[in-house]
Amino acid sequence: MRVSTGTDRRVRPLSTVAQWKAHEWKTWLLCWIPILKGILDGKVLTLLSKFTLGILLVLEDAITQDSLQRSRLLLEEFCGNVQKQFGMEQCTFNLHILSHVAYTVRNWGPLW
């Protein structure tokens, strides 16, 4: 399946995920919830939705304090539930880094 990013670029197949560029990951964040609805368990989809919204909030051109706070809470909730949902082996350094996103954006600006 190919998904348009709104430009002439397209997301490569999931089989090439290890080689994806940032624009492909951003596009996937924008479209994966509707694509996986009905495939993933509702609890998992809800948890992943929190991650998606938390990241999308800090990708905006201008971020309000309310958006930053909401992003922080969503990402904290996501991180706090990963172990319960997916197991301790998924609690990696990359997961831990999400707990610092709001602080980093507050100091350095949007993630884009």
N, C-alpha and C. Protein backbone atom coordinates (compact mmCIF):
# COMPACT_ATOMS: atom_id res chain seq x y z
N MET A 1 0.84 -1.19 0.00
CA MET A 1 0.00 0.00 0.00
C MET A 1 0.88 1.24 0.00
N ARG A 2 0.55 2.19 -0.82
CA ARG A 2 1.29 3.44 -0.87
C ARG A 2 0.38 4.55 -0.36
N VAL A 3 0.95 5.43 0.43
CA VAL A 3 0.21 6.55 1.01
C VAL A 3 0.85 7.84 0.54
N SER A 4 0.05 8.74 0.01
CA SER A 4 0.58 10.03 -0.43
C SER A 4 0.86 10.91 0.77
N THR A 5 1.94 11.67 0.70
CA THR A 5 2.28 12.58 1.79
C THR A 5 1.83 14.00 1.49
N GLY A 6 1.07 14.16 0.42
CA GLY A 6 0.64 15.50 0.05
C GLY A 6 1.63 16.17 -0.89
N THR A 7 2.71 15.52 -1.17
CA THR A 7 3.69 16.00 -2.13
C THR A 7 3.90 14.90 -3.15
N ASP A 8 4.93 15.01 -3.93
CA ASP A 8 5.18 13.95 -4.90
C ASP A 8 5.88 12.74 -4.27
N ARG A 9 6.21 12.84 -2.99
CA ARG A 9 6.84 11.72 -2.29
C ARG A 9 5.79 10.72 -1.85
N ARG A 10 6.18 9.47 -1.80
CA ARG A 10 5.30 8.43 -1.30
C ARG A 10 6.04 7.64 -0.22
N VAL A 11 5.26 7.07 0.67
CA VAL A 11 5.82 6.21 1.71
C VAL A 11 6.14 4.86 1.07
N ARG A 12 7.32 4.38 1.36
CA ARG A 12 7.69 3.06 0.85
C ARG A 12 6.95 1.98 1.63
N PRO A 13 6.92 0.77 1.13
CA PRO A 13 6.20 -0.32 1.82
C PRO A 13 6.73 -0.57 3.23
N LEU A 14 5.88 -1.15 4.07
CA LEU A 14 6.27 -1.47 5.44
C LEU A 14 7.47 -2.42 5.48
N SER A 15 7.64 -3.20 4.45
CA SER A 15 8.79 -4.12 4.42
C SER A 15 10.12 -3.37 4.38
N THR A 16 10.09 -2.07 4.07
CA THR A 16 11.31 -1.26 4.01
C THR A 16 11.42 -0.29 5.18
N VAL A 17 10.67 -0.54 6.25
CA VAL A 17 10.59 0.40 7.37
C VAL A 17 11.96 0.74 7.96
N ALA A 18 12.89 -0.16 7.91
CA ALA A 18 14.23 0.11 8.46
C ALA A 18 14.95 1.21 7.69
N GLN A 19 14.53 1.49 6.46
CA GLN A 19 15.17 2.53 5.65
C GLN A 19 14.32 3.81 5.54
N TRP A 20 13.20 3.87 6.24
CA TRP A 20 12.32 5.03 6.11
C TRP A 20 13.02 6.31 6.53
N LYS A 21 12.64 7.39 5.87
CA LYS A 21 13.11 8.74 6.19
C LYS A 21 12.08 9.40 7.11
N ALA A 22 12.43 10.55 7.65
CA ALA A 22 11.56 11.26 8.60
C ALA A 22 10.17 11.55 8.01
N HIS A 23 10.11 11.97 6.74
CA HIS A 23 8.79 12.28 6.17
C HIS A 23 7.90 11.04 6.09
N GLU A 24 8.51 9.87 5.91
CA GLU A 24 7.72 8.64 5.86
C GLU A 24 7.17 8.29 7.24
N TRP A 25 7.97 8.51 8.28
CA TRP A 25 7.49 8.26 9.64
C TRP A 25 6.39 9.24 10.02
N LYS A 26 6.53 10.50 9.61
CA LYS A 26 5.50 11.49 9.91
C LYS A 26 4.19 11.11 9.21
N THR A 27 4.28 10.70 7.96
CA THR A 27 3.09 10.27 7.22
C THR A 27 2.45 9.07 7.90
N TRP A 28 3.26 8.11 8.32
CA TRP A 28 2.75 6.93 9.01
C TRP A 28 2.02 7.34 10.28
N LEU A 29 2.59 8.29 11.03
CA LEU A 29 1.93 8.78 12.25
C LEU A 29 0.56 9.37 11.94
N LEU A 30 0.44 10.02 10.80
CA LEU A 30 -0.82 10.65 10.43
C LEU A 30 -1.88 9.63 9.99
N CYS A 31 -1.47 8.48 9.50
CA CYS A 31 -2.46 7.58 8.91
C CYS A 31 -2.55 6.20 9.54
N TRP A 32 -1.69 5.81 10.48
CA TRP A 32 -1.68 4.43 10.94
C TRP A 32 -2.88 4.04 11.78
N ILE A 33 -3.47 4.95 12.52
CA ILE A 33 -4.60 4.59 13.37
C ILE A 33 -5.78 4.12 12.54
N PRO A 34 -6.22 4.88 11.52
CA PRO A 34 -7.33 4.37 10.71
C PRO A 34 -6.98 3.09 9.95
N ILE A 35 -5.74 2.96 9.53
CA ILE A 35 -5.33 1.76 8.79
C ILE A 35 -5.39 0.52 9.69
N LEU A 36 -4.97 0.67 10.94
CA LEU A 36 -4.90 -0.48 11.85
C LEU A 36 -6.18 -0.73 12.63
N LYS A 37 -7.17 0.15 12.48
CA LYS A 37 -8.46 -0.04 13.16
C LYS A 37 -9.09 -1.34 12.65
N GLY A 38 -9.49 -2.18 13.55
CA GLY A 38 -10.06 -3.46 13.18
C GLY A 38 -9.01 -4.57 13.09
N ILE A 39 -7.74 -4.17 13.05
CA ILE A 39 -6.65 -5.15 13.01
C ILE A 39 -6.08 -5.32 14.41
N LEU A 40 -5.84 -4.19 15.08
CA LEU A 40 -5.29 -4.22 16.43
C LEU A 40 -6.42 -4.21 17.46
N ASP A 41 -6.14 -4.77 18.61
CA ASP A 41 -7.04 -4.72 19.75
C ASP A 41 -7.35 -3.27 20.10
N GLY A 42 -8.55 -2.98 20.54
CA GLY A 42 -8.97 -1.63 20.88
C GLY A 42 -8.10 -0.96 21.92
N LYS A 43 -7.64 -1.71 22.93
CA LYS A 43 -6.77 -1.15 23.96
C LYS A 43 -5.43 -0.72 23.37
N VAL A 44 -4.89 -1.54 22.50
CA VAL A 44 -3.62 -1.23 21.87
C VAL A 44 -3.77 -0.01 20.97
N LEU A 45 -4.85 0.04 20.21
CA LEU A 45 -5.09 1.16 19.32
C LEU A 45 -5.25 2.46 20.11
N THR A 46 -5.95 2.40 21.23
CA THR A 46 -6.11 3.59 22.08
C THR A 46 -4.76 4.04 22.63
N LEU A 47 -3.94 3.10 23.07
CA LEU A 47 -2.62 3.44 23.59
C LEU A 47 -1.75 4.06 22.50
N LEU A 48 -1.74 3.48 21.32
CA LEU A 48 -0.95 4.02 20.22
C LEU A 48 -1.47 5.38 19.77
N SER A 49 -2.77 5.59 19.90
CA SER A 49 -3.35 6.90 19.56
C SER A 49 -2.80 7.99 20.47
N LYS A 50 -2.57 7.66 21.72
CA LYS A 50 -2.00 8.63 22.67
C LYS A 50 -0.59 9.03 22.24
N PHE A 51 0.19 8.04 21.81
CA PHE A 51 1.53 8.32 21.30
C PHE A 51 1.44 9.22 20.08
N THR A 52 0.58 8.87 19.14
CA THR A 52 0.45 9.63 17.91
C THR A 52 0.08 11.08 18.18
N LEU A 53 -0.95 11.30 18.97
CA LEU A 53 -1.38 12.66 19.26
C LEU A 53 -0.31 13.42 20.03
N GLY A 54 0.32 12.76 20.98
CA GLY A 54 1.39 13.41 21.75
C GLY A 54 2.51 13.91 20.87
N ILE A 55 2.89 13.14 19.87
CA ILE A 55 3.95 13.55 18.95
C ILE A 55 3.45 14.61 17.97
N LEU A 56 2.27 14.41 17.42
CA LEU A 56 1.75 15.38 16.45
C LEU A 56 1.59 16.77 17.05
N LEU A 57 1.26 16.84 18.33
CA LEU A 57 1.12 18.14 18.99
C LEU A 57 2.43 18.93 19.02
N VAL A 58 3.56 18.24 19.07
CA VAL A 58 4.84 18.94 19.12
C VAL A 58 5.51 19.05 17.75
N LEU A 59 4.78 18.68 16.71
CA LEU A 59 5.25 18.86 15.34
C LEU A 59 4.64 20.09 14.68
N GLU A 60 3.74 20.76 15.38
CA GLU A 60 3.09 21.96 14.84
C GLU A 60 4.11 23.08 14.66
N ASP A 61 3.77 24.05 13.81
CA ASP A 61 4.65 25.21 13.61
C ASP A 61 4.72 26.08 14.86
N ALA A 62 3.58 26.24 15.52
CA ALA A 62 3.51 27.02 16.76
C ALA A 62 2.83 26.15 17.81
N ILE A 63 3.43 26.09 18.98
CA ILE A 63 2.93 25.22 20.03
C ILE A 63 2.57 26.05 21.26
N THR A 64 1.33 25.93 21.70
CA THR A 64 0.90 26.64 22.89
C THR A 64 1.34 25.87 24.13
N GLN A 65 1.31 26.53 25.28
CA GLN A 65 1.62 25.87 26.54
C GLN A 65 0.62 24.74 26.81
N ASP A 66 -0.65 24.97 26.43
CA ASP A 66 -1.67 23.93 26.62
C ASP A 66 -1.37 22.70 25.77
N SER A 67 -0.95 22.92 24.52
CA SER A 67 -0.60 21.80 23.64
C SER A 67 0.61 21.06 24.17
N LEU A 68 1.57 21.79 24.66
CA LEU A 68 2.77 21.18 25.21
C LEU A 68 2.45 20.34 26.44
N GLN A 69 1.60 20.86 27.30
CA GLN A 69 1.17 20.13 28.49
C GLN A 69 0.39 18.88 28.10
N ARG A 70 -0.50 19.02 27.13
CA ARG A 70 -1.29 17.87 26.67
C ARG A 70 -0.38 16.80 26.08
N SER A 71 0.60 17.21 25.29
CA SER A 71 1.55 16.28 24.70
C SER A 71 2.31 15.53 25.81
N ARG A 72 2.77 16.27 26.80
CA ARG A 72 3.51 15.66 27.91
C ARG A 72 2.67 14.60 28.61
N LEU A 73 1.41 14.93 28.90
CA LEU A 73 0.54 13.98 29.59
C LEU A 73 0.25 12.75 28.74
N LEU A 74 0.00 12.95 27.45
CA LEU A 74 -0.27 11.82 26.56
C LEU A 74 0.94 10.89 26.45
N LEU A 75 2.12 11.48 26.31
CA LEU A 75 3.33 10.67 26.17
C LEU A 75 3.68 9.97 27.48
N GLU A 76 3.45 10.62 28.61
CA GLU A 76 3.67 9.97 29.90
C GLU A 76 2.73 8.79 30.08
N GLU A 77 1.48 8.99 29.69
CA GLU A 77 0.50 7.91 29.80
C GLU A 77 0.88 6.75 28.87
N PHE A 78 1.32 7.09 27.66
CA PHE A 78 1.77 6.05 26.73
C PHE A 78 2.94 5.27 27.33
N CYS A 79 3.96 5.98 27.76
CA CYS A 79 5.16 5.32 28.31
C CYS A 79 4.81 4.48 29.53
N GLY A 80 3.95 5.00 30.37
CA GLY A 80 3.58 4.29 31.59
C GLY A 80 2.80 3.01 31.35
N ASN A 81 2.20 2.88 30.18
CA ASN A 81 1.39 1.69 29.90
C ASN A 81 2.04 0.71 28.93
N VAL A 82 3.19 1.06 28.38
CA VAL A 82 3.86 0.17 27.44
C VAL A 82 4.22 -1.17 28.09
N GLN A 83 4.78 -1.13 29.29
CA GLN A 83 5.16 -2.37 29.95
C GLN A 83 3.95 -3.27 30.17
N LYS A 84 2.86 -2.71 30.65
CA LYS A 84 1.66 -3.51 30.90
C LYS A 84 1.12 -4.13 29.61
N GLN A 85 1.15 -3.35 28.55
CA GLN A 85 0.55 -3.79 27.29
C GLN A 85 1.47 -4.68 26.46
N PHE A 86 2.77 -4.36 26.42
CA PHE A 86 3.68 -5.04 25.49
C PHE A 86 4.80 -5.82 26.16
N GLY A 87 5.01 -5.61 27.47
CA GLY A 87 6.06 -6.34 28.17
C GLY A 87 7.29 -5.48 28.43
N MET A 88 8.05 -5.88 29.42
CA MET A 88 9.24 -5.14 29.85
C MET A 88 10.28 -5.00 28.75
N GLU A 89 10.36 -5.97 27.86
CA GLU A 89 11.38 -5.91 26.79
C GLU A 89 11.17 -4.74 25.84
N GLN A 90 9.99 -4.13 25.86
CA GLN A 90 9.73 -2.96 25.01
C GLN A 90 10.07 -1.64 25.70
N CYS A 91 10.45 -1.71 26.96
CA CYS A 91 10.82 -0.51 27.72
C CYS A 91 12.29 -0.19 27.46
N THR A 92 12.53 0.45 26.35
CA THR A 92 13.89 0.73 25.89
C THR A 92 14.25 2.19 26.14
N PHE A 93 15.49 2.52 25.82
CA PHE A 93 15.94 3.90 25.92
C PHE A 93 15.10 4.82 25.04
N ASN A 94 14.73 4.35 23.84
CA ASN A 94 13.91 5.17 22.95
C ASN A 94 12.57 5.50 23.59
N LEU A 95 12.00 4.58 24.34
CA LEU A 95 10.76 4.85 25.05
C LEU A 95 11.01 5.89 26.14
N HIS A 96 12.09 5.74 26.86
CA HIS A 96 12.42 6.70 27.92
C HIS A 96 12.59 8.12 27.37
N ILE A 97 13.18 8.24 26.22
CA ILE A 97 13.41 9.56 25.60
C ILE A 97 12.10 10.33 25.43
N LEU A 98 10.99 9.61 25.21
CA LEU A 98 9.70 10.28 25.05
C LEU A 98 9.32 11.09 26.28
N SER A 99 9.80 10.69 27.43
CA SER A 99 9.48 11.44 28.65
C SER A 99 10.16 12.80 28.68
N HIS A 100 11.09 13.05 27.78
CA HIS A 100 11.81 14.33 27.72
C HIS A 100 11.37 15.21 26.56
N VAL A 101 10.41 14.77 25.77
CA VAL A 101 10.00 15.51 24.57
C VAL A 101 9.47 16.90 24.93
N ALA A 102 8.54 16.99 25.87
CA ALA A 102 7.94 18.29 26.20
C ALA A 102 9.01 19.27 26.70
N TYR A 103 9.89 18.81 27.55
CA TYR A 103 10.97 19.66 28.06
C TYR A 103 11.85 20.16 26.91
N THR A 104 12.20 19.26 26.00
CA THR A 104 13.05 19.61 24.87
C THR A 104 12.36 20.62 23.96
N VAL A 105 11.08 20.40 23.67
CA VAL A 105 10.33 21.32 22.81
C VAL A 105 10.18 22.68 23.49
N ARG A 106 9.94 22.69 24.78
CA ARG A 106 9.83 23.96 25.51
C ARG A 106 11.13 24.77 25.37
N ASN A 107 12.26 24.09 25.41
CA ASN A 107 13.56 24.78 25.34
C ASN A 107 14.07 25.05 23.94
N TRP A 108 13.74 24.19 22.99
CA TRP A 108 14.34 24.28 21.66
C TRP A 108 13.35 24.48 20.52
N GLY A 109 12.06 24.33 20.79
CA GLY A 109 11.06 24.53 19.74
C GLY A 109 10.53 23.23 19.18
N PRO A 110 9.61 23.33 18.22
CA PRO A 110 8.94 22.16 17.64
C PRO A 110 9.91 21.12 17.10
N LEU A 111 9.46 19.88 17.06
CA LEU A 111 10.32 18.78 16.60
C LEU A 111 10.61 18.83 15.11
N TRP A 112 9.77 19.47 14.33
CA TRP A 112 10.00 19.48 12.88
C TRP A 112 11.35 20.04 12.55
